[in-house]
Amino acid sequence: MEENYLITIKGTMEQRGDTDTVELMTRGSLVHKDGAYYIVYKETETTGYEGCTTTVKVAEDARKVSMLRFGKQSSQLIIEKGTRHLCHYETGYGSVSLGVAADVIEQRLDENGGSLKFSYTLDSGAESFISRNLVDITVDKLPEA
């Protein structure tokens, strides 16, 4: 798959009054297929998931986002409006199952790129809130050489 897009990902975690933000810029691809957009990029040593490939799939109607990481440390998060999912997540120290519930999903993507913004809460079971997470992804088509 051609990596002809610049992908900028800004992730913010809010937890017990503290906020932590991480930003990543990488090359990747954007594909539109079967009613969804797929943003695909390779993880690096910087993210702690070197050797893994991440796919962010968002439905055209912005109802659902799936974040899938493939490789040594695989994980799957499903963020869907109106539904709490139990998802598998690899931390690097072991795997854990987390409850995931969407707050907001907004997508403005087309073949030239665009943006995807979503936020969700994580919990470790009933009444056990962990964090609120905000993700802002910008996809820019790179000029052809």
Protein backbone atom coordinates (compact mmCIF):
# COMPACT_ATOMS: atom_id res chain seq x y z
CA MET A 1 0.00 0.00 0.00
CA GLU A 2 1.39 3.40 -0.97
CA GLU A 3 2.20 5.80 1.86
CA ASN A 4 1.16 8.93 -0.01
CA TYR A 5 -0.43 10.82 2.89
CA LEU A 6 0.96 12.72 5.86
CA ILE A 7 -0.91 11.60 8.95
CA THR A 8 -0.85 13.75 12.09
CA ILE A 9 -2.32 12.20 15.22
CA LYS A 10 -2.85 14.17 18.41
CA GLY A 11 -4.01 12.16 21.39
CA THR A 12 -5.02 13.67 24.72
CA MET A 13 -5.81 11.70 27.87
CA GLU A 14 -7.72 13.30 30.72
CA GLN A 15 -7.43 11.46 34.02
CA ARG A 16 -8.18 12.67 37.57
CA GLY A 17 -7.78 16.31 36.61
CA ASP A 18 -4.49 15.75 34.75
CA THR A 19 -4.06 16.07 30.99
CA ASP A 20 -1.37 14.41 28.88
CA THR A 21 -1.02 15.05 25.13
CA VAL A 22 1.08 13.18 22.58
CA GLU A 23 1.47 14.07 18.89
CA LEU A 24 2.74 11.84 16.08
CA MET A 25 3.44 12.67 12.41
CA THR A 26 4.00 9.82 9.99
CA ARG A 27 3.44 8.73 6.42
CA GLY A 28 0.60 6.36 5.68
CA SER A 29 -2.30 5.59 3.42
CA LEU A 30 -5.97 6.46 3.16
CA VAL A 31 -8.40 4.13 1.43
CA HIS A 32 -12.17 4.41 0.90
CA LYS A 33 -13.84 1.02 0.65
CA ASP A 34 -17.26 -0.51 1.41
CA GLY A 35 -18.71 2.55 3.19
CA ALA A 36 -15.69 3.27 5.37
CA TYR A 37 -12.38 5.11 5.34
CA TYR A 38 -9.20 3.31 6.39
CA ILE A 39 -6.20 5.27 7.70
CA VAL A 40 -3.17 2.94 7.83
CA TYR A 41 0.32 3.67 9.19
CA LYS A 42 3.33 1.86 10.60
CA GLU A 43 4.21 2.35 14.25
CA THR A 44 7.75 3.38 15.18
CA GLU A 45 10.12 3.01 18.11
CA THR A 46 8.89 6.43 19.28
CA THR A 47 5.35 5.10 19.90
CA GLY A 48 6.64 1.98 21.61
CA TYR A 49 4.99 -0.29 19.06
CA GLU A 50 7.76 -0.65 16.47
CA GLY A 51 6.99 -3.41 13.99
CA CYS A 52 3.22 -2.95 14.31
CA THR A 53 0.78 -1.53 11.78
CA THR A 54 -2.23 0.47 12.93
CA THR A 55 -5.48 0.76 10.99
CA VAL A 56 -8.11 3.33 11.94
CA LYS A 57 -11.42 2.51 10.27
CA VAL A 58 -14.24 5.05 10.37
CA ALA A 59 -17.71 4.58 8.96
CA GLU A 60 -18.88 7.18 6.42
CA ASP A 61 -21.79 8.04 8.73
CA ALA A 62 -19.31 8.61 11.62
CA ARG A 63 -21.17 6.17 13.85
CA LYS A 64 -18.23 3.88 14.55
CA VAL A 65 -14.41 3.97 14.70
CA SER A 66 -12.25 0.86 15.01
CA MET A 67 -8.60 1.15 15.97
CA LEU A 68 -6.75 -2.05 15.13
CA ARG A 69 -3.06 -2.65 15.81
CA PHE A 70 -1.43 -5.66 14.17
CA GLY A 71 1.95 -7.13 15.09
CA LYS A 72 3.75 -8.16 18.28
CA GLN A 73 1.50 -6.00 20.45
CA SER A 74 -1.91 -6.26 18.85
CA SER A 75 -5.00 -4.48 20.14
CA GLN A 76 -8.51 -3.63 19.13
CA LEU A 77 -10.60 -0.68 20.29
CA ILE A 78 -14.13 -0.18 18.97
CA ILE A 79 -15.61 3.24 19.57
CA GLU A 80 -19.29 3.38 18.67
CA LYS A 81 -21.95 5.96 19.43
CA GLY A 82 -24.54 4.63 21.88
CA THR A 83 -22.71 1.35 22.61
CA ARG A 84 -20.16 0.33 25.26
CA HIS A 85 -17.73 -2.27 23.89
CA LEU A 86 -15.41 -4.55 25.83
CA CYS A 87 -12.10 -4.37 23.92
CA HIS A 88 -8.70 -6.04 24.05
CA TYR A 89 -5.76 -3.70 24.53
CA GLU A 90 -2.06 -4.54 24.68
CA THR A 91 -0.16 -2.25 27.05
CA GLY A 92 3.36 -3.50 26.46
CA TYR A 93 3.27 -4.99 29.95
CA GLY A 94 0.45 -7.41 29.20
CA SER A 95 -3.05 -7.41 27.81
CA VAL A 96 -6.14 -5.99 29.44
CA SER A 97 -9.85 -5.80 28.61
CA LEU A 98 -11.38 -2.34 28.82
CA GLY A 99 -14.84 -0.86 28.44
CA VAL A 100 -14.94 1.73 25.67
CA ALA A 101 -17.78 4.22 25.09
CA ALA A 102 -17.87 7.02 22.49
CA ASP A 103 -18.54 10.65 23.33
CA VAL A 104 -18.04 12.24 19.91
CA ILE A 105 -17.17 11.00 16.41
CA GLU A 106 -16.75 13.51 13.57
CA GLN A 107 -15.21 12.71 10.21
CA ARG A 108 -14.54 14.94 7.24
CA LEU A 109 -12.59 12.66 4.92
CA ASP A 110 -12.43 12.26 1.16
CA GLU A 111 -9.83 10.96 -1.32
CA ASN A 112 -7.70 14.08 -0.73
CA GLY A 113 -7.53 13.57 3.04
CA GLY A 114 -9.31 15.52 5.75
CA SER A 115 -9.86 15.03 9.44
CA LEU A 116 -11.23 12.60 11.99
CA LYS A 117 -11.97 13.61 15.58
CA PHE A 118 -13.32 11.34 18.25
CA SER A 119 -13.38 11.03 22.00
CA TYR A 120 -14.18 8.12 24.25
CA THR A 121 -14.06 6.98 27.84
CA LEU A 122 -12.23 3.93 29.15
CA ASP A 123 -13.33 1.91 32.15
CA SER A 124 -12.23 -1.31 33.81
CA GLY A 125 -15.72 -2.42 34.75
CA ALA A 126 -18.87 -1.02 36.31
CA GLU A 127 -18.20 2.25 38.16
CA SER A 128 -14.44 2.14 37.45
CA PHE A 129 -13.68 5.13 35.19
CA ILE A 130 -10.09 5.23 33.93
CA SER A 131 -9.84 8.15 31.51
CA ARG A 132 -11.39 10.26 28.79
CA ASN A 133 -9.41 10.21 25.55
CA LEU A 134 -9.55 12.68 22.68
CA VAL A 135 -8.06 11.84 19.29
CA ASP A 136 -7.59 14.32 16.45
CA ILE A 137 -6.29 12.88 13.17
CA THR A 138 -5.43 14.99 10.13
CA VAL A 139 -4.70 13.33 6.79
CA ASP A 140 -3.00 15.39 4.07
CA LYS A 141 -2.29 14.06 0.59
CA LEU A 142 1.39 14.45 -0.25
CA PRO A 143 2.29 16.05 -3.59
CA GLU A 144 3.27 13.50 -6.22
CA ALA A 145 6.97 13.43 -7.00
